[in-house]
Protein backbone atom coordinates (compact mmCIF):
# COMPACT_ATOMS: atom_id res chain seq x y z
CA UNK A 1 163.08 97.71 131.62
CA UNK A 2 162.30 99.06 135.12
CA UNK A 3 158.73 100.12 135.90
CA UNK A 4 158.62 103.55 134.27
CA UNK A 5 155.90 105.76 132.82
CA UNK A 6 157.03 104.54 129.41
CA UNK A 7 156.46 100.93 130.49
CA UNK A 8 152.99 101.79 131.79
CA UNK A 9 152.21 103.56 128.50
CA UNK A 10 153.09 100.37 126.61
CA UNK A 11 150.65 98.30 128.68
CA UNK A 12 147.97 100.96 128.24
CA UNK A 13 148.43 101.00 124.46
CA UNK A 14 148.29 97.18 124.22
CA UNK A 15 145.00 97.11 126.11
CA UNK A 16 143.41 99.97 124.17
CA UNK A 17 144.48 98.76 120.73
CA UNK A 18 143.82 95.07 121.42
CA UNK A 19 147.14 93.67 120.21
CA UNK A 20 150.89 94.10 120.37
CA UNK A 21 151.03 94.94 116.65
CA UNK A 22 148.46 97.75 116.80
CA UNK A 23 150.01 99.13 119.98
CA UNK A 24 153.44 99.13 118.34
CA UNK A 25 152.00 101.03 115.37
CA UNK A 26 150.49 103.68 117.66
CA UNK A 27 153.72 104.06 119.59
CA UNK A 28 155.89 104.10 116.46
CA UNK A 29 157.85 101.02 117.44
CA UNK A 30 158.47 97.57 115.94
CA UNK A 31 156.28 94.77 117.38
CA UNK A 32 159.41 92.87 118.38
CA UNK A 33 160.62 95.91 120.32
CA UNK A 34 157.33 96.04 122.21
CA UNK A 35 157.45 92.31 122.95
CA UNK A 36 160.98 92.68 124.33
CA UNK A 37 159.94 95.65 126.47
CA UNK A 38 157.09 93.66 128.04
CA UNK A 39 159.46 90.76 128.74
CA UNK A 40 161.81 93.19 130.51
CA UNK A 41 158.95 94.47 132.67
CA UNK A 42 157.98 90.90 133.60
CA UNK A 43 161.57 90.05 134.45
CA UNK A 44 161.93 93.20 136.57
CA UNK A 45 158.75 92.43 138.53
CA UNK A 46 159.21 88.65 138.50
CA UNK A 47 155.56 88.42 137.46
CA UNK A 48 153.77 87.17 134.35
CA UNK A 49 151.70 90.02 132.90
CA UNK A 50 150.27 88.24 129.86
CA UNK A 51 148.78 84.78 129.35
CA UNK A 52 150.23 83.68 125.99
CA UNK A 53 148.60 80.24 125.89
CA UNK A 54 145.84 81.25 123.49
CA UNK A 55 145.71 82.75 120.01
CA UNK A 56 146.03 86.25 121.48
CA UNK A 57 147.92 87.32 124.60
CA UNK A 58 145.64 88.33 127.44
CA UNK A 59 146.39 90.16 130.67
CA UNK A 60 146.85 87.98 133.73
CA UNK A 61 145.29 89.19 137.01
CA UNK A 62 148.69 90.67 137.93
CA UNK A 63 148.93 92.34 134.54
CA UNK A 64 145.42 93.75 134.83
CA UNK A 65 146.24 95.16 138.27
CA UNK A 66 149.38 96.81 136.96
CA UNK A 67 147.46 98.20 133.98
CA UNK A 68 144.65 99.74 136.07
CA UNK A 69 146.88 101.14 138.80
CA UNK A 70 149.37 102.30 136.18
CA UNK A 71 146.69 104.28 134.36
CA UNK A 72 146.06 106.24 137.53
CA UNK A 73 149.79 107.06 137.68
CA UNK A 74 149.81 108.03 133.99
CA UNK A 75 146.84 110.33 134.55
CA UNK A 76 148.53 111.95 137.53
CA UNK A 77 151.77 112.38 135.58
CA UNK A 78 149.99 114.01 132.65
CA UNK A 79 148.08 116.30 135.00
CA UNK A 80 151.31 117.26 136.75
CA UNK A 81 153.01 117.93 133.44
CA UNK A 82 150.12 120.13 132.30
CA UNK A 83 149.96 121.97 135.61
CA UNK A 84 153.71 122.60 135.57
CA UNK A 85 153.49 124.12 132.11
CA UNK A 86 150.61 126.34 133.17
CA UNK A 87 152.31 127.52 136.36
CA UNK A 88 155.42 128.30 134.35
CA UNK A 89 153.14 130.30 132.06
CA UNK A 90 151.78 132.37 134.96
CA UNK A 91 148.63 130.39 135.84
CA UNK A 92 148.16 129.79 139.57
CA UNK A 93 147.87 126.12 140.64
CA UNK A 94 145.05 127.13 143.04
CA UNK A 95 142.77 130.14 143.15
CA UNK A 96 140.30 131.07 145.90
CA UNK A 97 137.42 133.50 145.52
CA UNK A 98 135.73 134.78 148.68
CA UNK A 99 132.14 135.84 148.07
CA UNK A 100 130.00 137.98 150.38
CA UNK A 101 127.37 135.73 151.94
CA UNK A 102 124.41 137.83 150.80
CA UNK A 103 125.14 136.84 147.19
CA UNK A 104 123.90 133.66 145.49
CA UNK A 105 126.36 131.24 143.91
CA UNK A 106 124.26 130.57 140.79
CA UNK A 107 125.40 133.70 138.85
CA UNK A 108 129.01 132.57 139.28
CA UNK A 109 128.48 129.19 137.60
CA UNK A 110 128.56 130.52 133.99
CA UNK A 111 131.78 132.37 134.89
CA UNK A 112 133.34 129.16 136.17
CA UNK A 113 132.16 127.30 133.08
CA UNK A 114 133.82 129.88 130.84
CA UNK A 115 137.05 129.51 132.80
CA UNK A 116 137.04 125.71 132.64
CA UNK A 117 136.35 125.74 128.90
CA UNK A 118 139.81 127.24 128.44
CA UNK A 119 141.29 123.97 129.63
CA UNK A 120 143.24 125.45 132.52
CA UNK A 121 144.24 123.17 135.37
CA UNK A 122 143.95 125.84 138.07
CA UNK A 123 141.92 124.46 140.97
CA UNK A 124 139.14 126.87 141.95
CA UNK A 125 137.71 127.21 145.42
CA UNK A 126 134.72 129.38 146.40
CA UNK A 127 134.07 130.38 149.97
CA UNK A 128 131.13 132.36 151.38
CA UNK A 129 132.11 134.99 153.93
CA UNK A 130 129.96 137.41 155.94
CA UNK A 131 130.49 141.12 156.70
CA UNK A 132 134.24 141.61 157.42
CA UNK A 133 134.95 137.96 156.57
CA UNK A 134 135.71 138.56 152.87
CA UNK A 135 138.18 141.35 153.70
CA UNK A 136 139.74 139.13 156.36
CA UNK A 137 140.13 136.18 153.98
CA UNK A 138 141.83 138.44 151.46
CA UNK A 139 144.13 140.20 153.94
CA UNK A 140 145.19 136.90 155.55
CA UNK A 141 145.99 135.23 152.22
CA UNK A 142 143.10 132.75 152.48
CA UNK A 143 141.57 134.22 149.31
CA UNK A 144 143.08 135.64 146.13
CA UNK A 145 140.08 137.74 145.12
CA UNK A 146 136.99 138.81 147.03
CA UNK A 147 133.57 140.29 146.53
CA UNK A 148 133.20 142.16 149.79
CA UNK A 149 130.71 144.55 151.36
CA UNK A 150 131.55 147.82 153.05
CA UNK A 151 135.00 149.40 153.05
CA UNK A 152 138.44 147.81 153.01
CA UNK A 153 140.23 147.80 156.37
CA UNK A 154 142.73 150.63 156.70
CA UNK A 155 146.37 149.73 156.08
CA UNK A 156 145.57 146.27 154.76
CA UNK A 157 147.25 146.75 151.38
CA UNK A 158 144.02 145.85 149.61
CA UNK A 159 142.85 147.46 146.39
CA UNK A 160 139.23 147.45 145.27
CA UNK A 161 136.72 148.73 142.77
CA UNK A 162 132.96 149.10 143.37
CA UNK A 163 130.64 146.60 141.70
CA UNK A 164 127.39 148.26 142.75
CA UNK A 165 125.03 147.86 145.68
CA UNK A 166 122.49 145.42 147.08
CA UNK A 167 119.16 146.68 148.39
CA UNK A 168 117.71 145.16 151.56
CA UNK A 169 114.03 144.65 152.36
CA UNK A 170 112.67 144.18 155.86
CA UNK A 171 110.65 140.97 156.02
CA UNK A 172 108.71 138.98 158.60
CA UNK A 173 106.73 135.76 158.59
CA UNK A 174 103.02 136.08 157.72
CA UNK A 175 102.12 135.06 161.27
CA UNK A 176 104.43 137.63 162.90
CA UNK A 177 102.79 140.61 164.69
CA UNK A 178 104.70 143.12 162.51
CA UNK A 179 103.08 141.63 159.40
CA UNK A 180 99.90 143.48 160.39
CA UNK A 181 101.65 146.79 160.93
CA UNK A 182 100.25 149.33 158.48
CA UNK A 183 102.70 152.21 158.78
CA UNK A 184 106.44 152.24 157.93
CA UNK A 185 108.36 150.65 160.77
CA UNK A 186 110.40 152.80 163.13
CA UNK A 187 113.32 151.72 165.28
CA UNK A 188 110.96 151.65 168.26
CA UNK A 189 108.67 149.21 166.44
CA UNK A 190 111.54 146.92 165.48
CA UNK A 191 113.40 147.02 168.79
CA UNK A 192 110.62 145.12 170.56
CA UNK A 193 111.18 142.04 168.41
CA UNK A 194 114.03 139.53 168.13
CA UNK A 195 116.42 140.11 165.24
CA UNK A 196 117.72 137.24 163.10
CA UNK A 197 121.30 137.96 162.04
CA UNK A 198 124.24 136.18 160.39
CA UNK A 199 127.53 135.92 162.26
CA UNK A 200 130.52 137.81 160.93
CA UNK A 201 133.08 135.27 159.67
CA UNK A 202 136.17 137.45 160.19
CA UNK A 203 138.91 135.78 162.21
CA UNK A 204 141.49 138.53 162.55
CA UNK A 205 139.76 141.82 161.71
CA UNK A 206 137.31 143.57 164.07
CA UNK A 207 133.84 142.06 163.73
CA UNK A 208 131.08 144.04 162.10
CA UNK A 209 127.38 143.92 162.84
CA UNK A 210 124.42 144.76 160.62
CA UNK A 211 120.65 144.49 160.59
CA UNK A 212 119.92 144.81 164.31
CA UNK A 213 119.58 147.42 167.04
CA UNK A 214 121.61 147.46 170.24
CA UNK A 215 118.50 146.96 172.38
CA UNK A 216 117.25 143.96 170.40
CA UNK A 217 117.64 140.36 171.39
CA UNK A 218 119.32 138.34 168.65
CA UNK A 219 119.19 134.93 167.04
CA UNK A 220 122.48 134.39 165.21
CA UNK A 221 122.47 132.00 162.26
CA UNK A 222 125.49 130.63 160.36
CA UNK A 223 124.45 131.72 156.86
CA UNK A 224 121.77 133.33 154.70
CA UNK A 225 119.90 130.05 154.27
CA UNK A 226 119.59 129.66 158.03
CA UNK A 227 118.53 133.29 158.49
CA UNK A 228 115.81 132.90 155.88
CA UNK A 229 114.49 129.71 157.50
CA UNK A 230 114.41 131.33 160.95
CA UNK A 231 112.48 134.34 159.66
CA UNK A 232 110.02 132.11 157.79
CA UNK A 233 109.44 130.22 161.04
CA UNK A 234 108.59 133.49 162.80
CA UNK A 235 111.58 133.25 165.15
CA UNK A 236 112.60 136.82 164.49
CA UNK A 237 112.71 139.72 162.05
CA UNK A 238 115.30 141.19 159.77
CA UNK A 239 116.26 142.47 156.36
CA UNK A 240 117.10 140.28 153.40
CA UNK A 241 118.71 141.11 150.05
CA UNK A 242 116.05 142.18 147.57
CA UNK A 243 116.81 139.34 145.10
CA UNK A 244 115.87 136.84 147.83
CA UNK A 245 113.15 138.82 149.62
CA UNK A 246 111.09 139.42 146.47
CA UNK A 247 111.04 135.71 145.69
CA UNK A 248 109.91 134.76 149.20
CA UNK A 249 107.29 137.50 149.38
CA UNK A 250 105.86 136.48 145.99
CA UNK A 251 105.60 132.88 147.24
CA UNK A 252 103.75 134.00 150.38
CA UNK A 253 106.44 132.72 152.73
CA UNK A 254 107.33 136.22 153.96
CA UNK A 255 105.66 139.62 154.21
CA UNK A 256 107.48 142.80 153.28
CA UNK A 257 107.35 145.68 155.76
CA UNK A 258 108.04 149.28 154.81
CA UNK A 259 110.95 150.79 156.62
CA UNK A 260 110.89 154.40 157.77
CA UNK A 261 113.57 156.22 155.79
CA UNK A 262 113.58 153.68 152.98
CA UNK A 263 115.46 150.47 152.34
CA UNK A 264 119.18 150.42 153.18
CA UNK A 265 121.85 149.43 150.68
CA UNK A 266 125.24 147.75 150.95
CA UNK A 267 127.98 148.64 148.47
CA UNK A 268 129.95 145.66 147.22
CA UNK A 269 133.52 145.77 145.97
CA UNK A 270 135.76 143.53 143.91
CA UNK A 271 138.95 143.43 145.96
CA UNK A 272 142.48 142.02 145.71
CA UNK A 273 145.84 142.40 147.42
CA UNK A 274 148.05 145.15 146.07
CA UNK A 275 151.04 143.80 144.16
CA UNK A 276 149.57 140.36 143.55
CA UNK A 277 149.85 138.96 140.04
CA UNK A 278 148.62 135.87 138.27
CA UNK A 279 146.76 135.02 135.08
CA UNK A 280 143.81 133.45 136.90
CA UNK A 281 143.56 136.58 139.06
CA UNK A 282 143.58 138.79 135.97
CA UNK A 283 141.00 136.60 134.23
CA UNK A 284 138.55 136.58 137.14
CA UNK A 285 138.99 140.30 137.79
CA UNK A 286 137.92 141.02 134.21
CA UNK A 287 135.12 138.44 134.21
CA UNK A 288 133.55 139.49 137.51
CA UNK A 289 133.71 143.20 136.67
CA UNK A 290 131.14 142.69 133.89
CA UNK A 291 127.79 144.15 135.00
CA UNK A 292 125.73 141.26 133.63
CA UNK A 293 127.27 138.66 135.97
CA UNK A 294 125.09 139.67 138.93
CA UNK A 295 122.29 141.29 136.95
CA UNK A 296 119.18 141.44 139.13
CA UNK A 297 121.25 140.90 142.26
CA UNK A 298 123.71 143.81 142.36
CA UNK A 299 122.39 147.17 141.17
CA UNK A 300 124.77 149.46 139.29
CA UNK A 301 125.14 152.73 141.19
């Protein structure tokens, strides 16, 4: 018998069941048939797989190596078989969700858990994008579904539905001069201080900017975590999503400043490419459209 998946399954069964007889019973074969199969494998490999000198046959070092490496091949084969069935049934082998960088990942974890509990083999990838980055990832095919802020780029073939909006609060470090400002801040007040911003992650679409004035100097950070740290250190000023700002203000790490005209909002959309189909896409579109997923983070409009 050449080295096949069936041969590897025989070795696996012998090890798990502890004897040729019990392995033969599990596999629905006669013990003599199993013994002959093992002898064929040994002849094919010109290697002794079992030490038969004792009362019970035991794996030799070569046999143990073949068993352990073979189990990895069996696992890969079973995974491939399962994935092939699922792809044939309309489930994508891979699925990428692009998430606007002002959103936390934590609310998505129960959604992922619910997906995995179905037993699907689709590999999921999350990526944080900023400003036009989510639209870009979707339009370029780097993402299958996106939670994106602002409006879809014209002529991109992207469809979307609004999820709600995120409110922003202007915050500074307790030691910052604006922390002592008593009146609502005007553009003139803000322009005199460095703005901390996050870089747009778009690669092909025109870059967007938000949270700073043309006359301000800027400190550009790679993500929301970096922006928060820079503002806490007093390196600049800026607005933060309310879900994050309220936590930091309550902890005394930031001070909230009133903004003349009120706090701005960013509308977020669930977006996908027109004409795309897939069961994972359909599942996540339904799951993420539920208002309780981002409760306390995205406000229903």
